[in-house]
Amino acid sequence: MRQIISEVEQGAARLFCADRECYFVLRGETDFSGRELVIVAMAGKNAVKHTKEIHQRAKRAGYQTIRLHTLKPAAMLRMGRGLGYQPAETILRAVL
């Protein structure tokens, strides 16, 4: 959470609110494959509706892909079925 707050405060990411029911933090990145929009965090109601809107706006803004990280990939894959989400990486972490 501290990292997300820091990114927003520094202007690297932006916090948005949709319909006073869903909040999300977005960050743009560019690499060898082009421009990618990263959904850094999202919380609230009607996530599918608002994710569809994010996709539409990202496409109009010239992004080629959207990436998100989630603690519940199976649920997000079900919700994002019509949006084309596919597993792209696995993160393993050990607490020392």
PDB file of N, CA and C in Angstrom:
ATOM      1  N   MET A   1       0.823  -1.189   0.000  1.00  0.00           N
ATOM      2  CA  MET A   1       0.000   0.000   0.000  1.00  0.00           C
ATOM      3  C   MET A   1       0.868   1.254   0.000  1.00  0.00           C
ATOM      4  N   ARG A   2       1.960   1.239   0.794  1.00  0.00           N
ATOM      5  CA  ARG A   2       2.834   2.418   0.843  1.00  0.00           C
ATOM      6  C   ARG A   2       3.441   2.717  -0.523  1.00  0.00           C
ATOM      7  N   GLN A   3       3.800   1.664  -1.255  1.00  0.00           N
ATOM      8  CA  GLN A   3       4.380   1.868  -2.580  1.00  0.00           C
ATOM      9  C   GLN A   3       3.360   2.508  -3.527  1.00  0.00           C
ATOM     10  N   ILE A   4       2.121   2.054  -3.470  1.00  0.00           N
ATOM     11  CA  ILE A   4       1.078   2.618  -4.330  1.00  0.00           C
ATOM     12  C   ILE A   4       0.855   4.091  -3.986  1.00  0.00           C
ATOM     13  N   ILE A   5       0.771   4.405  -2.715  1.00  0.00           N
ATOM     14  CA  ILE A   5       0.591   5.797  -2.291  1.00  0.00           C
ATOM     15  C   ILE A   5       1.756   6.645  -2.777  1.00  0.00           C
ATOM     16  N   SER A   6       2.957   6.129  -2.646  1.00  0.00           N
ATOM     17  CA  SER A   6       4.140   6.862  -3.102  1.00  0.00           C
ATOM     18  C   SER A   6       4.098   7.115  -4.605  1.00  0.00           C
ATOM     19  N   GLU A   7       3.702   6.109  -5.390  1.00  0.00           N
ATOM     20  CA  GLU A   7       3.606   6.277  -6.841  1.00  0.00           C
ATOM     21  C   GLU A   7       2.582   7.347  -7.211  1.00  0.00           C
ATOM     22  N   VAL A   8       1.466   7.385  -6.494  1.00  0.00           N
ATOM     23  CA  VAL A   8       0.441   8.394  -6.764  1.00  0.00           C
ATOM     24  C   VAL A   8       0.962   9.780  -6.366  1.00  0.00           C
ATOM     25  N   GLU A   9       1.582   9.884  -5.201  1.00  0.00           N
ATOM     26  CA  GLU A   9       2.097  11.173  -4.743  1.00  0.00           C
ATOM     27  C   GLU A   9       3.181  11.717  -5.679  1.00  0.00           C
ATOM     28  N   GLN A  10       3.996  10.828  -6.257  1.00  0.00           N
ATOM     29  CA  GLN A  10       5.073  11.244  -7.149  1.00  0.00           C
ATOM     30  C   GLN A  10       4.600  11.465  -8.586  1.00  0.00           C
ATOM     31  N   GLY A  11       3.355  11.106  -8.865  1.00  0.00           N
ATOM     32  CA  GLY A  11       2.811  11.299 -10.204  1.00  0.00           C
ATOM     33  C   GLY A  11       3.099  10.159 -11.170  1.00  0.00           C
ATOM     34  N   ALA A  12       3.692   9.070 -10.685  1.00  0.00           N
ATOM     35  CA  ALA A  12       3.966   7.916 -11.546  1.00  0.00           C
ATOM     36  C   ALA A  12       2.694   7.120 -11.822  1.00  0.00           C
ATOM     37  N   ALA A  13       1.714   7.231 -10.940  1.00  0.00           N
ATOM     38  CA  ALA A  13       0.427   6.546 -11.094  1.00  0.00           C
ATOM     39  C   ALA A  13      -0.670   7.544 -10.719  1.00  0.00           C
ATOM     40  N   ARG A  14      -1.889   7.231 -11.168  1.00  0.00           N
ATOM     41  CA  ARG A  14      -3.012   8.119 -10.876  1.00  0.00           C
ATOM     42  C   ARG A  14      -4.157   7.345 -10.243  1.00  0.00           C
ATOM     43  N   LEU A  15      -4.806   7.972  -9.280  1.00  0.00           N
ATOM     44  CA  LEU A  15      -5.959   7.400  -8.596  1.00  0.00           C
ATOM     45  C   LEU A  15      -7.223   7.920  -9.263  1.00  0.00           C
ATOM     46  N   PHE A  16      -8.156   7.009  -9.560  1.00  0.00           N
ATOM     47  CA  PHE A  16      -9.425   7.366 -10.191  1.00  0.00           C
ATOM     48  C   PHE A  16     -10.580   6.805  -9.380  1.00  0.00           C
ATOM     49  N   CYS A  17     -11.728   7.446  -9.495  1.00  0.00           N
ATOM     50  CA  CYS A  17     -12.963   6.949  -8.899  1.00  0.00           C
ATOM     51  C   CYS A  17     -14.024   6.940  -9.993  1.00  0.00           C
ATOM     52  N   ALA A  18     -14.720   5.823 -10.142  1.00  0.00           N
ATOM     53  CA  ALA A  18     -15.766   5.699 -11.153  1.00  0.00           C
ATOM     54  C   ALA A  18     -17.116   5.545 -10.471  1.00  0.00           C
ATOM     55  N   ASP A  19     -18.009   6.427 -10.785  1.00  0.00           N
ATOM     56  CA  ASP A  19     -19.391   6.373 -10.278  1.00  0.00           C
ATOM     57  C   ASP A  19     -19.471   6.281  -8.757  1.00  0.00           C
ATOM     58  N   ARG A  20     -18.492   6.790  -8.084  1.00  0.00           N
ATOM     59  CA  ARG A  20     -18.438   6.741  -6.616  1.00  0.00           C
ATOM     60  C   ARG A  20     -18.633   5.330  -6.063  1.00  0.00           C
ATOM     61  N   GLU A  21     -18.242   4.326  -6.851  1.00  0.00           N
ATOM     62  CA  GLU A  21     -18.396   2.955  -6.378  1.00  0.00           C
ATOM     63  C   GLU A  21     -17.166   2.096  -6.614  1.00  0.00           C
ATOM     64  N   CYS A  22     -16.238   2.566  -7.435  1.00  0.00           N
ATOM     65  CA  CYS A  22     -15.056   1.771  -7.743  1.00  0.00           C
ATOM     66  C   CYS A  22     -13.844   2.701  -7.830  1.00  0.00           C
ATOM     67  N   TYR A  23     -12.799   2.343  -7.124  1.00  0.00           N
ATOM     68  CA  TYR A  23     -11.572   3.129  -7.113  1.00  0.00           C
ATOM     69  C   TYR A  23     -10.464   2.301  -7.753  1.00  0.00           C
ATOM     70  N   PHE A  24      -9.626   2.958  -8.538  1.00  0.00           N
ATOM     71  CA  PHE A  24      -8.516   2.235  -9.138  1.00  0.00           C
ATOM     72  C   PHE A  24      -7.325   3.151  -9.340  1.00  0.00           C
ATOM     73  N   VAL A  25      -6.143   2.532  -9.341  1.00  0.00           N
ATOM     74  CA  VAL A  25      -4.888   3.230  -9.562  1.00  0.00           C
ATOM     75  C   VAL A  25      -4.306   2.690 -10.862  1.00  0.00           C
ATOM     76  N   LEU A  26      -3.960   3.589 -11.784  1.00  0.00           N
ATOM     77  CA  LEU A  26      -3.430   3.208 -13.093  1.00  0.00           C
ATOM     78  C   LEU A  26      -2.052   3.827 -13.298  1.00  0.00           C
ATOM     79  N   ARG A  27      -1.216   3.084 -14.047  1.00  0.00           N
ATOM     80  CA  ARG A  27       0.122   3.563 -14.386  1.00  0.00           C
ATOM     81  C   ARG A  27       0.431   3.138 -15.812  1.00  0.00           C
ATOM     82  N   GLY A  28       0.985   4.018 -16.607  1.00  0.00           N
ATOM     83  CA  GLY A  28       1.396   3.673 -17.961  1.00  0.00           C
ATOM     84  C   GLY A  28       2.855   3.259 -17.988  1.00  0.00           C
ATOM     85  N   GLU A  29       3.176   2.276 -18.830  1.00  0.00           N
ATOM     86  CA  GLU A  29       4.555   1.823 -19.008  1.00  0.00           C
ATOM     87  C   GLU A  29       4.820   1.623 -20.488  1.00  0.00           C
ATOM     88  N   THR A  30       6.067   1.755 -20.877  1.00  0.00           N
ATOM     89  CA  THR A  30       6.474   1.500 -22.252  1.00  0.00           C
ATOM     90  C   THR A  30       7.667   0.564 -22.235  1.00  0.00           C
ATOM     91  N   ASP A  31       7.603  -0.476 -23.071  1.00  0.00           N
ATOM     92  CA  ASP A  31       8.746  -1.382 -23.215  1.00  0.00           C
ATOM     93  C   ASP A  31       8.877  -1.774 -24.683  1.00  0.00           C
ATOM     94  N   PHE A  32       9.635  -2.819 -24.962  1.00  0.00           N
ATOM     95  CA  PHE A  32       9.899  -3.225 -26.347  1.00  0.00           C
ATOM     96  C   PHE A  32       8.636  -3.564 -27.127  1.00  0.00           C
ATOM     97  N   SER A  33       7.584  -3.953 -26.450  1.00  0.00           N
ATOM     98  CA  SER A  33       6.355  -4.343 -27.151  1.00  0.00           C
ATOM     99  C   SER A  33       5.366  -3.185 -27.301  1.00  0.00           C
ATOM    100  N   GLY A  34       5.689  -2.028 -26.757  1.00  0.00           N
ATOM    101  CA  GLY A  34       4.809  -0.872 -26.896  1.00  0.00           C
ATOM    102  C   GLY A  34       4.329  -0.341 -25.567  1.00  0.00           C
ATOM    103  N   ARG A  35       3.212   0.372 -25.622  1.00  0.00           N
ATOM    104  CA  ARG A  35       2.640   0.991 -24.424  1.00  0.00           C
ATOM    105  C   ARG A  35       1.700   0.031 -23.715  1.00  0.00           C
ATOM    106  N   GLU A  36       1.864  -0.055 -22.403  1.00  0.00           N
ATOM    107  CA  GLU A  36       1.032  -0.944 -21.595  1.00  0.00           C
ATOM    108  C   GLU A  36       0.459  -0.155 -20.425  1.00  0.00           C
ATOM    109  N   LEU A  37      -0.834  -0.341 -20.177  1.00  0.00           N
ATOM    110  CA  LEU A  37      -1.475   0.263 -19.023  1.00  0.00           C
ATOM    111  C   LEU A  37      -1.509  -0.777 -17.913  1.00  0.00           C
ATOM    112  N   VAL A  38      -1.080  -0.377 -16.731  1.00  0.00           N
ATOM    113  CA  VAL A  38      -1.051  -1.284 -15.581  1.00  0.00           C
ATOM    114  C   VAL A  38      -2.155  -0.868 -14.613  1.00  0.00           C
ATOM    115  N   ILE A  39      -3.032  -1.817 -14.299  1.00  0.00           N
ATOM    116  CA  ILE A  39      -4.013  -1.605 -13.240  1.00  0.00           C
ATOM    117  C   ILE A  39      -3.299  -2.002 -11.954  1.00  0.00           C
ATOM    118  N   VAL A  40      -2.844  -1.012 -11.217  1.00  0.00           N
ATOM    119  CA  VAL A  40      -2.033  -1.235 -10.026  1.00  0.00           C
ATOM    120  C   VAL A  40      -2.895  -1.742  -8.876  1.00  0.00           C
ATOM    121  N   ALA A  41      -4.087  -1.165  -8.738  1.00  0.00           N
ATOM    122  CA  ALA A  41      -4.992  -1.552  -7.657  1.00  0.00           C
ATOM    123  C   ALA A  41      -6.415  -1.201  -8.054  1.00  0.00           C
ATOM    124  N   MET A  42      -7.363  -1.987  -7.520  1.00  0.00           N
ATOM    125  CA  MET A  42      -8.772  -1.710  -7.780  1.00  0.00           C
ATOM    126  C   MET A  42      -9.581  -2.232  -6.594  1.00  0.00           C
ATOM    127  N   ALA A  43     -10.568  -1.442  -6.173  1.00  0.00           N
ATOM    128  CA  ALA A  43     -11.440  -1.861  -5.078  1.00  0.00           C
ATOM    129  C   ALA A  43     -12.801  -1.210  -5.266  1.00  0.00           C
ATOM    130  N   GLY A  44     -13.831  -1.933  -4.881  1.00  0.00           N
ATOM    131  CA  GLY A  44     -15.176  -1.390  -4.952  1.00  0.00           C
ATOM    132  C   GLY A  44     -16.138  -2.322  -5.632  1.00  0.00           C
ATOM    133  N   LYS A  45     -17.231  -1.747  -6.144  1.00  0.00           N
ATOM    134  CA  LYS A  45     -18.307  -2.519  -6.763  1.00  0.00           C
ATOM    135  C   LYS A  45     -18.219  -2.445  -8.281  1.00  0.00           C
ATOM    136  N   ASN A  46     -18.846  -3.422  -8.930  1.00  0.00           N
ATOM    137  CA  ASN A  46     -18.976  -3.464 -10.387  1.00  0.00           C
ATOM    138  C   ASN A  46     -17.637  -3.419 -11.118  1.00  0.00           C
ATOM    139  N   ALA A  47     -16.701  -4.245 -10.657  1.00  0.00           N
ATOM    140  CA  ALA A  47     -15.355  -4.261 -11.231  1.00  0.00           C
ATOM    141  C   ALA A  47     -15.367  -4.582 -12.725  1.00  0.00           C
ATOM    142  N   VAL A  48     -16.223  -5.503 -13.148  1.00  0.00           N
ATOM    143  CA  VAL A  48     -16.251  -5.879 -14.572  1.00  0.00           C
ATOM    144  C   VAL A  48     -16.656  -4.682 -15.424  1.00  0.00           C
ATOM    145  N   LYS A  49     -17.709  -3.998 -15.035  1.00  0.00           N
ATOM    146  CA  LYS A  49     -18.178  -2.820 -15.767  1.00  0.00           C
ATOM    147  C   LYS A  49     -17.065  -1.781 -15.887  1.00  0.00           C
ATOM    148  N   HIS A  50     -16.388  -1.517 -14.794  1.00  0.00           N
ATOM    149  CA  HIS A  50     -15.367  -0.475 -14.803  1.00  0.00           C
ATOM    150  C   HIS A  50     -14.091  -0.944 -15.504  1.00  0.00           C
ATOM    151  N   THR A  51     -13.792  -2.223 -15.449  1.00  0.00           N
ATOM    152  CA  THR A  51     -12.635  -2.739 -16.184  1.00  0.00           C
ATOM    153  C   THR A  51     -12.885  -2.618 -17.684  1.00  0.00           C
ATOM    154  N   LYS A  52     -14.104  -2.882 -18.128  1.00  0.00           N
ATOM    155  CA  LYS A  52     -14.438  -2.697 -19.547  1.00  0.00           C
ATOM    156  C   LYS A  52     -14.226  -1.251 -19.963  1.00  0.00           C
ATOM    157  N   GLU A  53     -14.630  -0.326 -19.119  1.00  0.00           N
ATOM    158  CA  GLU A  53     -14.448   1.095 -19.422  1.00  0.00           C
ATOM    159  C   GLU A  53     -12.961   1.457 -19.474  1.00  0.00           C
ATOM    160  N   ILE A  54     -12.175   0.909 -18.560  1.00  0.00           N
ATOM    161  CA  ILE A  54     -10.728   1.142 -18.581  1.00  0.00           C
ATOM    162  C   ILE A  54     -10.151   0.651 -19.901  1.00  0.00           C
ATOM    163  N   HIS A  55     -10.582  -0.527 -20.362  1.00  0.00           N
ATOM    164  CA  HIS A  55     -10.106  -1.078 -21.640  1.00  0.00           C
ATOM    165  C   HIS A  55     -10.423  -0.133 -22.792  1.00  0.00           C
ATOM    166  N   GLN A  56     -11.643   0.357 -22.837  1.00  0.00           N
ATOM    167  CA  GLN A  56     -12.049   1.254 -23.924  1.00  0.00           C
ATOM    168  C   GLN A  56     -11.214   2.531 -23.933  1.00  0.00           C
ATOM    169  N   ARG A  57     -11.026   3.114 -22.768  1.00  0.00           N
ATOM    170  CA  ARG A  57     -10.248   4.349 -22.677  1.00  0.00           C
ATOM    171  C   ARG A  57      -8.776   4.105 -22.998  1.00  0.00           C
ATOM    172  N   ALA A  58      -8.243   2.975 -22.552  1.00  0.00           N
ATOM    173  CA  ALA A  58      -6.838   2.653 -22.827  1.00  0.00           C
ATOM    174  C   ALA A  58      -6.603   2.482 -24.321  1.00  0.00           C
ATOM    175  N   LYS A  59      -7.523   1.820 -24.983  1.00  0.00           N
ATOM    176  CA  LYS A  59      -7.392   1.620 -26.429  1.00  0.00           C
ATOM    177  C   LYS A  59      -7.418   2.962 -27.157  1.00  0.00           C
ATOM    178  N   ARG A  60      -8.350   3.831 -26.769  1.00  0.00           N
ATOM    179  CA  ARG A  60      -8.417   5.160 -27.386  1.00  0.00           C
ATOM    180  C   ARG A  60      -7.151   5.975 -27.129  1.00  0.00           C
ATOM    181  N   ALA A  61      -6.500   5.727 -25.984  1.00  0.00           N
ATOM    182  CA  ALA A  61      -5.286   6.469 -25.629  1.00  0.00           C
ATOM    183  C   ALA A  61      -4.027   5.877 -26.271  1.00  0.00           C
ATOM    184  N   GLY A  62      -4.178   4.769 -27.000  1.00  0.00           N
ATOM    185  CA  GLY A  62      -3.047   4.205 -27.717  1.00  0.00           C
ATOM    186  C   GLY A  62      -2.277   3.109 -27.010  1.00  0.00           C
ATOM    187  N   TYR A  63      -2.818   2.573 -25.937  1.00  0.00           N
ATOM    188  CA  TYR A  63      -2.158   1.448 -25.262  1.00  0.00           C
ATOM    189  C   TYR A  63      -2.416   0.163 -26.047  1.00  0.00           C
ATOM    190  N   GLN A  64      -1.386  -0.698 -26.112  1.00  0.00           N
ATOM    191  CA  GLN A  64      -1.536  -1.974 -26.811  1.00  0.00           C
ATOM    192  C   GLN A  64      -1.998  -3.096 -25.880  1.00  0.00           C
ATOM    193  N   THR A  65      -1.628  -3.011 -24.611  1.00  0.00           N
ATOM    194  CA  THR A  65      -1.971  -4.072 -23.659  1.00  0.00           C
ATOM    195  C   THR A  65      -2.336  -3.468 -22.303  1.00  0.00           C
ATOM    196  N   ILE A  66      -2.991  -4.306 -21.501  1.00  0.00           N
ATOM    197  CA  ILE A  66      -3.284  -3.961 -20.111  1.00  0.00           C
ATOM    198  C   ILE A  66      -2.802  -5.120 -19.259  1.00  0.00           C
ATOM    199  N   ARG A  67      -2.142  -4.773 -18.159  1.00  0.00           N
ATOM    200  CA  ARG A  67      -1.643  -5.789 -17.225  1.00  0.00           C
ATOM    201  C   ARG A  67      -2.189  -5.479 -15.846  1.00  0.00           C
ATOM    202  N   LEU A  68      -2.471  -6.524 -15.095  1.00  0.00           N
ATOM    203  CA  LEU A  68      -2.858  -6.333 -13.702  1.00  0.00           C
ATOM    204  C   LEU A  68      -2.288  -7.462 -12.872  1.00  0.00           C
ATOM    205  N   HIS A  69      -2.112  -7.182 -11.616  1.00  0.00           N
ATOM    206  CA  HIS A  69      -1.659  -8.179 -10.651  1.00  0.00           C
ATOM    207  C   HIS A  69      -2.796  -8.385  -9.665  1.00  0.00           C
ATOM    208  N   THR A  70      -3.053  -9.639  -9.315  1.00  0.00           N
ATOM    209  CA  THR A  70      -4.161  -9.930  -8.418  1.00  0.00           C
ATOM    210  C   THR A  70      -3.799 -11.080  -7.491  1.00  0.00           C
ATOM    211  N   LEU A  71      -4.351 -11.038  -6.298  1.00  0.00           N
ATOM    212  CA  LEU A  71      -4.184 -12.140  -5.360  1.00  0.00           C
ATOM    213  C   LEU A  71      -5.202 -13.252  -5.639  1.00  0.00           C
ATOM    214  N   LYS A  72      -6.172 -12.979  -6.507  1.00  0.00           N
ATOM    215  CA  LYS A  72      -7.215 -13.953  -6.832  1.00  0.00           C
ATOM    216  C   LYS A  72      -7.313 -14.110  -8.347  1.00  0.00           C
ATOM    217  N   PRO A  73      -6.307 -14.748  -8.979  1.00  0.00           N
ATOM    218  CA  PRO A  73      -6.309 -14.836 -10.443  1.00  0.00           C
ATOM    219  C   PRO A  73      -7.491 -15.611 -11.022  1.00  0.00           C
ATOM    220  N   ALA A  74      -7.939 -16.661 -10.363  1.00  0.00           N
ATOM    221  CA  ALA A  74      -9.063 -17.440 -10.901  1.00  0.00           C
ATOM    222  C   ALA A  74     -10.320 -16.578 -10.991  1.00  0.00           C
ATOM    223  N   ALA A  75     -10.574 -15.782  -9.958  1.00  0.00           N
ATOM    224  CA  ALA A  75     -11.749 -14.910  -9.968  1.00  0.00           C
ATOM    225  C   ALA A  75     -11.623 -13.845 -11.049  1.00  0.00           C
ATOM    226  N   MET A  76     -10.446 -13.260 -11.192  1.00  0.00           N
ATOM    227  CA  MET A  76     -10.266 -12.220 -12.216  1.00  0.00           C
ATOM    228  C   MET A  76     -10.373 -12.816 -13.610  1.00  0.00           C
ATOM    229  N   LEU A  77      -9.868 -14.022 -13.813  1.00  0.00           N
ATOM    230  CA  LEU A  77      -9.993 -14.654 -15.127  1.00  0.00           C
ATOM    231  C   LEU A  77     -11.458 -14.918 -15.460  1.00  0.00           C
ATOM    232  N   ARG A  78     -12.257 -15.302 -14.470  1.00  0.00           N
ATOM    233  CA  ARG A  78     -13.700 -15.497 -14.700  1.00  0.00           C
ATOM    234  C   ARG A  78     -14.361 -14.162 -15.030  1.00  0.00           C
ATOM    235  N   MET A  79     -14.075 -13.146 -14.230  1.00  0.00           N
ATOM    236  CA  MET A  79     -14.703 -11.837 -14.450  1.00  0.00           C
ATOM    237  C   MET A  79     -14.241 -11.205 -15.755  1.00  0.00           C
ATOM    238  N   GLY A  80     -12.980 -11.410 -16.107  1.00  0.00           N
ATOM    239  CA  GLY A  80     -12.438 -10.778 -17.301  1.00  0.00           C
ATOM    240  C   GLY A  80     -12.464 -11.651 -18.535  1.00  0.00           C
ATOM    241  N   ARG A  81     -13.247 -12.719 -18.496  1.00  0.00           N
ATOM    242  CA  ARG A  81     -13.305 -13.676 -19.604  1.00  0.00           C
ATOM    243  C   ARG A  81     -13.535 -12.991 -20.949  1.00  0.00           C
ATOM    244  N   GLY A  82     -14.466 -12.091 -21.019  1.00  0.00           N
ATOM    245  CA  GLY A  82     -14.778 -11.420 -22.276  1.00  0.00           C
ATOM    246  C   GLY A  82     -13.801 -10.321 -22.653  1.00  0.00           C
ATOM    247  N   LEU A  83     -12.836 -10.029 -21.785  1.00  0.00           N
ATOM    248  CA  LEU A  83     -11.879  -8.965 -22.053  1.00  0.00           C
ATOM    249  C   LEU A  83     -10.539  -9.486 -22.561  1.00  0.00           C
ATOM    250  N   GLY A  84     -10.384 -10.805 -22.616  1.00  0.00           N
ATOM    251  CA  GLY A  84      -9.172 -11.377 -23.184  1.00  0.00           C
ATOM    252  C   GLY A  84      -8.018 -11.592 -22.223  1.00  0.00           C
ATOM    253  N   TYR A  85      -8.262 -11.553 -20.923  1.00  0.00           N
ATOM    254  CA  TYR A  85      -7.170 -11.777 -19.971  1.00  0.00           C
ATOM    255  C   TYR A  85      -6.683 -13.211 -20.034  1.00  0.00           C
ATOM    256  N   GLN A  86      -5.367 -13.364 -19.988  1.00  0.00           N
ATOM    257  CA  GLN A  86      -4.703 -14.663 -19.966  1.00  0.00           C
ATOM    258  C   GLN A  86      -3.612 -14.613 -18.900  1.00  0.00           C
ATOM    259  N   PRO A  87      -3.325 -15.731 -18.237  1.00  0.00           N
ATOM    260  CA  PRO A  87      -2.204 -15.729 -17.289  1.00  0.00           C
ATOM    261  C   PRO A  87      -0.908 -15.375 -18.023  1.00  0.00           C
ATOM    262  N   ALA A  88      -0.085 -14.515 -17.404  1.00  0.00           N
ATOM    263  CA  ALA A  88       1.144 -14.083 -18.062  1.00  0.00           C
ATOM    264  C   ALA A  88       2.385 -14.324 -17.215  1.00  0.00           C
ATOM    265  N   GLU A  89       2.234 -14.424 -15.928  1.00  0.00           N
ATOM    266  CA  GLU A  89       3.398 -14.659 -15.079  1.00  0.00           C
ATOM    267  C   GLU A  89       2.948 -15.225 -13.747  1.00  0.00           C
ATOM    268  N   THR A  90       3.878 -15.839 -13.070  1.00  0.00           N
ATOM    269  CA  THR A  90       3.639 -16.347 -11.729  1.00  0.00           C
ATOM    270  C   THR A  90       4.677 -15.728 -10.825  1.00  0.00           C
ATOM    271  N   ILE A  91       4.254 -15.207  -9.706  1.00  0.00           N
ATOM    272  CA  ILE A  91       5.172 -14.590  -8.753  1.00  0.00           C
ATOM    273  C   ILE A  91       5.214 -15.460  -7.509  1.00  0.00           C
ATOM    274  N   LEU A  92       6.406 -15.789  -7.104  1.00  0.00           N
ATOM    275  CA  LEU A  92       6.620 -16.540  -5.867  1.00  0.00           C
ATOM    276  C   LEU A  92       7.332 -15.637  -4.884  1.00  0.00           C
ATOM    277  N   ARG A  93       6.949 -15.693  -3.627  1.00  0.00           N
ATOM    278  CA  ARG A  93       7.573 -14.842  -2.628  1.00  0.00           C
ATOM    279  C   ARG A  93       7.794 -15.646  -1.357  1.00  0.00           C
ATOM    280  N   ALA A  94       8.959 -15.461  -0.749  1.00  0.00           N
ATOM    281  CA  ALA A  94       9.263 -16.075   0.541  1.00  0.00           C
ATOM    282  C   ALA A  94       9.489 -14.964   1.562  1.00  0.00           C
ATOM    283  N   VAL A  95       8.878 -15.100   2.698  1.00  0.00           N
ATOM    284  CA  VAL A  95       9.078 -14.148   3.785  1.00  0.00           C
ATOM    285  C   VAL A  95      10.276 -14.612   4.612  1.00  0.00           C
ATOM    286  N   LEU A  96      11.217 -13.743   4.794  1.00  0.00           N
ATOM    287  CA  LEU A  96      12.437 -14.100   5.542  1.00  0.00           C
ATOM    288  C   LEU A  96      12.405 -13.542   6.953  1.00  0.00           C
TER     289      LEU A  96
END
